[in-house]
Amino acid sequence: MLGIVRKKNNFRKQYDEFLLNSIDRAKSNWDHARETEEAISETDGEITSQTQLARQKYLFLYQEARVRDVRNNHFQSSVFDY
């Protein structure tokens, strides 16, 4: 029985780490899409929709992490502006 609990906790930790990495990538993609949209003088519907899609992906993953009560010990690279 104890082995099953350890496996379950291990799977949870692996998925949580994967989720945190996915959030970091989604935030980077969203930031890049926003910068692209701002850099182009004439934005069309496709660029705007790509930016909105990137935002929704990030928000979905972020909400999933909040529901799962995921915590991490490191700052996401997308938080820092260099």
PDB file of N, CA and C in Angstrom:
ATOM      1  N   MET A   1       0.820  -1.196   0.000  1.00  0.00           N
ATOM      2  CA  MET A   1       0.000   0.000   0.000  1.00  0.00           C
ATOM      3  C   MET A   1       0.859   1.254   0.000  1.00  0.00           C
ATOM      4  N   LEU A   2       1.956   1.238   0.754  1.00  0.00           N
ATOM      5  CA  LEU A   2       2.828   2.398   0.837  1.00  0.00           C
ATOM      6  C   LEU A   2       3.487   2.684  -0.513  1.00  0.00           C
ATOM      7  N   GLY A   3       3.787   1.629  -1.270  1.00  0.00           N
ATOM      8  CA  GLY A   3       4.390   1.805  -2.586  1.00  0.00           C
ATOM      9  C   GLY A   3       3.468   2.544  -3.541  1.00  0.00           C
ATOM     10  N   ILE A   4       2.181   2.289  -3.451  1.00  0.00           N
ATOM     11  CA  ILE A   4       1.201   2.961  -4.308  1.00  0.00           C
ATOM     12  C   ILE A   4       1.137   4.444  -3.975  1.00  0.00           C
ATOM     13  N   VAL A   5       1.198   4.765  -2.698  1.00  0.00           N
ATOM     14  CA  VAL A   5       1.149   6.168  -2.277  1.00  0.00           C
ATOM     15  C   VAL A   5       2.381   6.910  -2.766  1.00  0.00           C
ATOM     16  N   ARG A   6       3.550   6.270  -2.668  1.00  0.00           N
ATOM     17  CA  ARG A   6       4.782   6.903  -3.154  1.00  0.00           C
ATOM     18  C   ARG A   6       4.713   7.142  -4.654  1.00  0.00           C
ATOM     19  N   LYS A   7       4.228   6.139  -5.395  1.00  0.00           N
ATOM     20  CA  LYS A   7       4.111   6.301  -6.841  1.00  0.00           C
ATOM     21  C   LYS A   7       3.171   7.451  -7.179  1.00  0.00           C
ATOM     22  N   LYS A   8       2.065   7.533  -6.467  1.00  0.00           N
ATOM     23  CA  LYS A   8       1.090   8.590  -6.721  1.00  0.00           C
ATOM     24  C   LYS A   8       1.710   9.958  -6.450  1.00  0.00           C
ATOM     25  N   ASN A   9       2.436  10.086  -5.341  1.00  0.00           N
ATOM     26  CA  ASN A   9       3.094  11.352  -5.028  1.00  0.00           C
ATOM     27  C   ASN A   9       4.168  11.684  -6.051  1.00  0.00           C
ATOM     28  N   ASN A  10       4.882  10.651  -6.527  1.00  0.00           N
ATOM     29  CA  ASN A  10       5.915  10.872  -7.527  1.00  0.00           C
ATOM     30  C   ASN A  10       5.296  11.360  -8.835  1.00  0.00           C
ATOM     31  N   PHE A  11       4.198  10.741  -9.250  1.00  0.00           N
ATOM     32  CA  PHE A  11       3.517  11.177 -10.467  1.00  0.00           C
ATOM     33  C   PHE A  11       3.003  12.603 -10.316  1.00  0.00           C
ATOM     34  N   ARG A  12       2.488  12.915  -9.150  1.00  0.00           N
ATOM     35  CA  ARG A  12       1.980  14.268  -8.896  1.00  0.00           C
ATOM     36  C   ARG A  12       3.109  15.293  -8.989  1.00  0.00           C
ATOM     37  N   LYS A  13       4.250  14.987  -8.401  1.00  0.00           N
ATOM     38  CA  LYS A  13       5.395  15.904  -8.458  1.00  0.00           C
ATOM     39  C   LYS A  13       5.877  16.089  -9.890  1.00  0.00           C
ATOM     40  N   GLN A  14       5.926  14.997 -10.650  1.00  0.00           N
ATOM     41  CA  GLN A  14       6.351  15.085 -12.046  1.00  0.00           C
ATOM     42  C   GLN A  14       5.382  15.945 -12.849  1.00  0.00           C
ATOM     43  N   TYR A  15       4.093  15.728 -12.662  1.00  0.00           N
ATOM     44  CA  TYR A  15       3.106  16.510 -13.401  1.00  0.00           C
ATOM     45  C   TYR A  15       3.147  17.970 -12.979  1.00  0.00           C
ATOM     46  N   ASP A  16       3.321  18.230 -11.685  1.00  0.00           N
ATOM     47  CA  ASP A  16       3.398  19.609 -11.213  1.00  0.00           C
ATOM     48  C   ASP A  16       4.597  20.326 -11.825  1.00  0.00           C
ATOM     49  N   GLU A  17       5.728  19.640 -11.908  1.00  0.00           N
ATOM     50  CA  GLU A  17       6.918  20.238 -12.527  1.00  0.00           C
ATOM     51  C   GLU A  17       6.668  20.499 -14.012  1.00  0.00           C
ATOM     52  N   PHE A  18       6.030  19.541 -14.679  1.00  0.00           N
ATOM     53  CA  PHE A  18       5.683  19.724 -16.090  1.00  0.00           C
ATOM     54  C   PHE A  18       4.738  20.909 -16.258  1.00  0.00           C
ATOM     55  N   LEU A  19       3.780  21.038 -15.363  1.00  0.00           N
ATOM     56  CA  LEU A  19       2.821  22.138 -15.411  1.00  0.00           C
ATOM     57  C   LEU A  19       3.523  23.477 -15.219  1.00  0.00           C
ATOM     58  N   LEU A  20       4.441  23.552 -14.270  1.00  0.00           N
ATOM     59  CA  LEU A  20       5.176  24.797 -14.042  1.00  0.00           C
ATOM     60  C   LEU A  20       6.021  25.178 -15.254  1.00  0.00           C
ATOM     61  N   ASN A  21       6.659  24.194 -15.874  1.00  0.00           N
ATOM     62  CA  ASN A  21       7.439  24.466 -17.085  1.00  0.00           C
ATOM     63  C   ASN A  21       6.530  24.915 -18.226  1.00  0.00           C
ATOM     64  N   SER A  22       5.366  24.313 -18.330  1.00  0.00           N
ATOM     65  CA  SER A  22       4.410  24.704 -19.370  1.00  0.00           C
ATOM     66  C   SER A  22       3.913  26.127 -19.150  1.00  0.00           C
ATOM     67  N   ILE A  23       3.691  26.500 -17.904  1.00  0.00           N
ATOM     68  CA  ILE A  23       3.265  27.869 -17.590  1.00  0.00           C
ATOM     69  C   ILE A  23       4.351  28.851 -17.991  1.00  0.00           C
ATOM     70  N   ASP A  24       5.597  28.514 -17.701  1.00  0.00           N
ATOM     71  CA  ASP A  24       6.713  29.392 -18.052  1.00  0.00           C
ATOM     72  C   ASP A  24       6.804  29.578 -19.566  1.00  0.00           C
ATOM     73  N   ARG A  25       6.667  28.483 -20.312  1.00  0.00           N
ATOM     74  CA  ARG A  25       6.707  28.576 -21.782  1.00  0.00           C
ATOM     75  C   ARG A  25       5.513  29.361 -22.321  1.00  0.00           C
ATOM     76  N   ALA A  26       4.342  29.135 -21.754  1.00  0.00           N
ATOM     77  CA  ALA A  26       3.140  29.844 -22.211  1.00  0.00           C
ATOM     78  C   ALA A  26       3.261  31.341 -21.948  1.00  0.00           C
ATOM     79  N   LYS A  27       3.826  31.715 -20.808  1.00  0.00           N
ATOM     80  CA  LYS A  27       4.021  33.133 -20.498  1.00  0.00           C
ATOM     81  C   LYS A  27       5.007  33.759 -21.474  1.00  0.00           C
ATOM     82  N   SER A  28       6.077  33.051 -21.791  1.00  0.00           N
ATOM     83  CA  SER A  28       7.048  33.554 -22.765  1.00  0.00           C
ATOM     84  C   SER A  28       6.404  33.725 -24.136  1.00  0.00           C
ATOM     85  N   ASN A  29       5.594  32.751 -24.543  1.00  0.00           N
ATOM     86  CA  ASN A  29       4.906  32.844 -25.835  1.00  0.00           C
ATOM     87  C   ASN A  29       3.937  34.016 -25.861  1.00  0.00           C
ATOM     88  N   TRP A  30       3.228  34.218 -24.774  1.00  0.00           N
ATOM     89  CA  TRP A  30       2.279  35.331 -24.698  1.00  0.00           C
ATOM     90  C   TRP A  30       3.014  36.666 -24.756  1.00  0.00           C
ATOM     91  N   ASP A  31       4.114  36.789 -24.014  1.00  0.00           N
ATOM     92  CA  ASP A  31       4.904  38.025 -24.051  1.00  0.00           C
ATOM     93  C   ASP A  31       5.424  38.295 -25.457  1.00  0.00           C
ATOM     94  N   HIS A  32       5.895  37.248 -26.120  1.00  0.00           N
ATOM     95  CA  HIS A  32       6.403  37.405 -27.483  1.00  0.00           C
ATOM     96  C   HIS A  32       5.283  37.830 -28.435  1.00  0.00           C
ATOM     97  N   ALA A  33       4.118  37.245 -28.287  1.00  0.00           N
ATOM     98  CA  ALA A  33       2.981  37.596 -29.145  1.00  0.00           C
ATOM     99  C   ALA A  33       2.556  39.044 -28.917  1.00  0.00           C
ATOM    100  N   ARG A  34       2.564  39.491 -27.663  1.00  0.00           N
ATOM    101  CA  ARG A  34       2.215  40.891 -27.372  1.00  0.00           C
ATOM    102  C   ARG A  34       3.234  41.846 -27.973  1.00  0.00           C
ATOM    103  N   GLU A  35       4.526  41.513 -27.844  1.00  0.00           N
ATOM    104  CA  GLU A  35       5.569  42.362 -28.413  1.00  0.00           C
ATOM    105  C   GLU A  35       5.452  42.423 -29.932  1.00  0.00           C
ATOM    106  N   THR A  36       5.149  41.303 -30.548  1.00  0.00           N
ATOM    107  CA  THR A  36       4.978  41.269 -31.999  1.00  0.00           C
ATOM    108  C   THR A  36       3.795  42.125 -32.414  1.00  0.00           C
ATOM    109  N   GLU A  37       2.705  42.014 -31.687  1.00  0.00           N
ATOM    110  CA  GLU A  37       1.508  42.798 -32.004  1.00  0.00           C
ATOM    111  C   GLU A  37       1.779  44.294 -31.849  1.00  0.00           C
ATOM    112  N   GLU A  38       2.543  44.673 -30.831  1.00  0.00           N
ATOM    113  CA  GLU A  38       2.859  46.081 -30.624  1.00  0.00           C
ATOM    114  C   GLU A  38       3.846  46.602 -31.662  1.00  0.00           C
ATOM    115  N   ALA A  39       4.745  45.736 -32.145  1.00  0.00           N
ATOM    116  CA  ALA A  39       5.768  46.162 -33.088  1.00  0.00           C
ATOM    117  C   ALA A  39       5.211  46.389 -34.492  1.00  0.00           C
ATOM    118  N   ILE A  40       4.155  45.696 -34.831  1.00  0.00           N
ATOM    119  CA  ILE A  40       3.574  45.818 -36.168  1.00  0.00           C
ATOM    120  C   ILE A  40       2.599  46.984 -36.164  1.00  0.00           C
ATOM    121  N   SER A  41       2.777  47.867 -37.139  1.00  0.00           N
ATOM    122  CA  SER A  41       1.929  49.065 -37.172  1.00  0.00           C
ATOM    123  C   SER A  41       0.488  48.736 -37.561  1.00  0.00           C
ATOM    124  N   GLU A  42       0.304  47.837 -38.494  1.00  0.00           N
ATOM    125  CA  GLU A  42      -1.044  47.464 -38.929  1.00  0.00           C
ATOM    126  C   GLU A  42      -1.308  46.013 -38.518  1.00  0.00           C
ATOM    127  N   THR A  43      -1.966  45.841 -37.406  1.00  0.00           N
ATOM    128  CA  THR A  43      -2.261  44.480 -36.961  1.00  0.00           C
ATOM    129  C   THR A  43      -3.554  44.002 -37.610  1.00  0.00           C
ATOM    130  N   ASP A  44      -3.518  42.779 -38.062  1.00  0.00           N
ATOM    131  CA  ASP A  44      -4.727  42.202 -38.640  1.00  0.00           C
ATOM    132  C   ASP A  44      -5.362  41.246 -37.631  1.00  0.00           C
ATOM    133  N   GLY A  45      -6.443  40.665 -38.011  1.00  0.00           N
ATOM    134  CA  GLY A  45      -7.191  39.796 -37.110  1.00  0.00           C
ATOM    135  C   GLY A  45      -6.428  38.552 -36.704  1.00  0.00           C
ATOM    136  N   GLU A  46      -5.575  38.056 -37.601  1.00  0.00           N
ATOM    137  CA  GLU A  46      -4.836  36.832 -37.296  1.00  0.00           C
ATOM    138  C   GLU A  46      -3.825  37.060 -36.170  1.00  0.00           C
ATOM    139  N   ILE A  47      -3.115  38.163 -36.227  1.00  0.00           N
ATOM    140  CA  ILE A  47      -2.124  38.459 -35.187  1.00  0.00           C
ATOM    141  C   ILE A  47      -2.816  38.688 -33.850  1.00  0.00           C
ATOM    142  N   THR A  48      -3.913  39.413 -33.875  1.00  0.00           N
ATOM    143  CA  THR A  48      -4.665  39.664 -32.646  1.00  0.00           C
ATOM    144  C   THR A  48      -5.199  38.364 -32.062  1.00  0.00           C
ATOM    145  N   SER A  49      -5.703  37.494 -32.920  1.00  0.00           N
ATOM    146  CA  SER A  49      -6.243  36.223 -32.423  1.00  0.00           C
ATOM    147  C   SER A  49      -5.134  35.320 -31.888  1.00  0.00           C
ATOM    148  N   GLN A  50      -3.941  35.365 -32.487  1.00  0.00           N
ATOM    149  CA  GLN A  50      -2.820  34.584 -31.969  1.00  0.00           C
ATOM    150  C   GLN A  50      -2.411  35.069 -30.584  1.00  0.00           C
ATOM    151  N   THR A  51      -2.428  36.385 -30.396  1.00  0.00           N
ATOM    152  CA  THR A  51      -2.103  36.949 -29.087  1.00  0.00           C
ATOM    153  C   THR A  51      -3.152  36.542 -28.058  1.00  0.00           C
ATOM    154  N   GLN A  52      -4.410  36.601 -28.431  1.00  0.00           N
ATOM    155  CA  GLN A  52      -5.477  36.210 -27.510  1.00  0.00           C
ATOM    156  C   GLN A  52      -5.400  34.720 -27.176  1.00  0.00           C
ATOM    157  N   LEU A  53      -5.057  33.904 -28.168  1.00  0.00           N
ATOM    158  CA  LEU A  53      -4.919  32.467 -27.935  1.00  0.00           C
ATOM    159  C   LEU A  53      -3.769  32.184 -26.970  1.00  0.00           C
ATOM    160  N   ALA A  54      -2.639  32.858 -27.162  1.00  0.00           N
ATOM    161  CA  ALA A  54      -1.495  32.678 -26.261  1.00  0.00           C
ATOM    162  C   ALA A  54      -1.866  33.096 -24.840  1.00  0.00           C
ATOM    163  N   ARG A  55      -2.625  34.177 -24.710  1.00  0.00           N
ATOM    164  CA  ARG A  55      -3.067  34.640 -23.394  1.00  0.00           C
ATOM    165  C   ARG A  55      -3.979  33.611 -22.739  1.00  0.00           C
ATOM    166  N   GLN A  56      -4.925  33.071 -23.497  1.00  0.00           N
ATOM    167  CA  GLN A  56      -5.858  32.089 -22.949  1.00  0.00           C
ATOM    168  C   GLN A  56      -5.150  30.797 -22.531  1.00  0.00           C
ATOM    169  N   LYS A  57      -4.140  30.382 -23.302  1.00  0.00           N
ATOM    170  CA  LYS A  57      -3.370  29.195 -22.925  1.00  0.00           C
ATOM    171  C   LYS A  57      -2.671  29.424 -21.589  1.00  0.00           C
ATOM    172  N   TYR A  58      -2.049  30.600 -21.452  1.00  0.00           N
ATOM    173  CA  TYR A  58      -1.362  30.916 -20.203  1.00  0.00           C
ATOM    174  C   TYR A  58      -2.342  30.936 -19.035  1.00  0.00           C
ATOM    175  N   LEU A  59      -3.465  31.607 -19.210  1.00  0.00           N
ATOM    176  CA  LEU A  59      -4.438  31.713 -18.124  1.00  0.00           C
ATOM    177  C   LEU A  59      -5.024  30.350 -17.749  1.00  0.00           C
ATOM    178  N   PHE A  60      -5.231  29.492 -18.740  1.00  0.00           N
ATOM    179  CA  PHE A  60      -5.740  28.150 -18.460  1.00  0.00           C
ATOM    180  C   PHE A  60      -4.749  27.355 -17.614  1.00  0.00           C
ATOM    181  N   LEU A  61      -3.475  27.375 -18.013  1.00  0.00           N
ATOM    182  CA  LEU A  61      -2.461  26.640 -17.263  1.00  0.00           C
ATOM    183  C   LEU A  61      -2.280  27.219 -15.861  1.00  0.00           C
ATOM    184  N   TYR A  62      -2.326  28.540 -15.764  1.00  0.00           N
ATOM    185  CA  TYR A  62      -2.192  29.194 -14.466  1.00  0.00           C
ATOM    186  C   TYR A  62      -3.345  28.795 -13.541  1.00  0.00           C
ATOM    187  N   GLN A  63      -4.546  28.774 -14.085  1.00  0.00           N
ATOM    188  CA  GLN A  63      -5.713  28.376 -13.289  1.00  0.00           C
ATOM    189  C   GLN A  63      -5.603  26.913 -12.857  1.00  0.00           C
ATOM    190  N   GLU A  64      -5.112  26.067 -13.737  1.00  0.00           N
ATOM    191  CA  GLU A  64      -4.926  24.654 -13.399  1.00  0.00           C
ATOM    192  C   GLU A  64      -3.939  24.507 -12.239  1.00  0.00           C
ATOM    193  N   ALA A  65      -2.874  25.292 -12.258  1.00  0.00           N
ATOM    194  CA  ALA A  65      -1.899  25.244 -11.167  1.00  0.00           C
ATOM    195  C   ALA A  65      -2.518  25.728  -9.860  1.00  0.00           C
ATOM    196  N   ARG A  66      -3.362  26.729  -9.930  1.00  0.00           N
ATOM    197  CA  ARG A  66      -4.025  27.221  -8.716  1.00  0.00           C
ATOM    198  C   ARG A  66      -4.993  26.180  -8.164  1.00  0.00           C
ATOM    199  N   VAL A  67      -5.720  25.508  -9.033  1.00  0.00           N
ATOM    200  CA  VAL A  67      -6.663  24.474  -8.596  1.00  0.00           C
ATOM    201  C   VAL A  67      -5.902  23.320  -7.936  1.00  0.00           C
ATOM    202  N   ARG A  68      -4.765  22.957  -8.511  1.00  0.00           N
ATOM    203  CA  ARG A  68      -3.964  21.859  -7.968  1.00  0.00           C
ATOM    204  C   ARG A  68      -3.121  22.296  -6.775  1.00  0.00           C
ATOM    205  N   ASP A  69      -3.121  23.583  -6.465  1.00  0.00           N
ATOM    206  CA  ASP A  69      -2.351  24.143  -5.350  1.00  0.00           C
ATOM    207  C   ASP A  69      -0.866  23.831  -5.507  1.00  0.00           C
ATOM    208  N   VAL A  70      -0.354  24.104  -6.703  1.00  0.00           N
ATOM    209  CA  VAL A  70       1.048  23.843  -7.019  1.00  0.00           C
ATOM    210  C   VAL A  70       1.904  24.965  -6.450  1.00  0.00           C
ATOM    211  N   ARG A  71       2.985  24.589  -5.810  1.00  0.00           N
ATOM    212  CA  ARG A  71       3.951  25.545  -5.268  1.00  0.00           C
ATOM    213  C   ARG A  71       5.314  25.221  -5.858  1.00  0.00           C
ATOM    214  N   ASN A  72       6.134  26.261  -6.007  1.00  0.00           N
ATOM    215  CA  ASN A  72       7.490  26.030  -6.480  1.00  0.00           C
ATOM    216  C   ASN A  72       8.463  26.855  -5.659  1.00  0.00           C
ATOM    217  N   ASN A  73       9.719  26.516  -5.768  1.00  0.00           N
ATOM    218  CA  ASN A  73      10.753  27.185  -4.994  1.00  0.00           C
ATOM    219  C   ASN A  73      11.620  28.097  -5.848  1.00  0.00           C
ATOM    220  N   HIS A  74      11.294  28.258  -7.105  1.00  0.00           N
ATOM    221  CA  HIS A  74      12.100  29.109  -7.974  1.00  0.00           C
ATOM    222  C   HIS A  74      11.209  30.128  -8.674  1.00  0.00           C
ATOM    223  N   PHE A  75      11.830  31.228  -9.064  1.00  0.00           N
ATOM    224  CA  PHE A  75      11.109  32.243  -9.815  1.00  0.00           C
ATOM    225  C   PHE A  75      11.071  31.836 -11.275  1.00  0.00           C
ATOM    226  N   GLN A  76       9.971  32.129 -11.919  1.00  0.00           N
ATOM    227  CA  GLN A  76       9.877  31.838 -13.337  1.00  0.00           C
ATOM    228  C   GLN A  76      10.714  32.846 -14.106  1.00  0.00           C
ATOM    229  N   SER A  77      11.358  32.383 -15.152  1.00  0.00           N
ATOM    230  CA  SER A  77      12.206  33.269 -15.938  1.00  0.00           C
ATOM    231  C   SER A  77      11.392  34.349 -16.629  1.00  0.00           C
ATOM    232  N   SER A  78      10.114  34.106 -16.851  1.00  0.00           N
ATOM    233  CA  SER A  78       9.281  35.093 -17.534  1.00  0.00           C
ATOM    234  C   SER A  78       8.935  36.275 -16.642  1.00  0.00           C
ATOM    235  N   VAL A  79       9.217  36.184 -15.364  1.00  0.00           N
ATOM    236  CA  VAL A  79       8.906  37.266 -14.438  1.00  0.00           C
ATOM    237  C   VAL A  79       9.918  38.395 -14.566  1.00  0.00           C
ATOM    238  N   PHE A  80      11.147  38.065 -14.889  1.00  0.00           N
ATOM    239  CA  PHE A  80      12.219  39.051 -14.937  1.00  0.00           C
ATOM    240  C   PHE A  80      12.260  39.753 -16.282  1.00  0.00           C
ATOM    241  N   ASP A  81      12.447  41.066 -16.250  1.00  0.00           N
ATOM    242  CA  ASP A  81      12.688  41.845 -17.460  1.00  0.00           C
ATOM    243  C   ASP A  81      14.162  42.208 -17.480  1.00  0.00           C
ATOM    244  N   TYR A  82      14.873  41.756 -18.488  1.00  0.00           N
ATOM    245  CA  TYR A  82      16.307  42.033 -18.563  1.00  0.00           C
ATOM    246  C   TYR A  82      16.574  43.306 -19.299  1.00  0.00           C
TER     247      TYR A  82
END
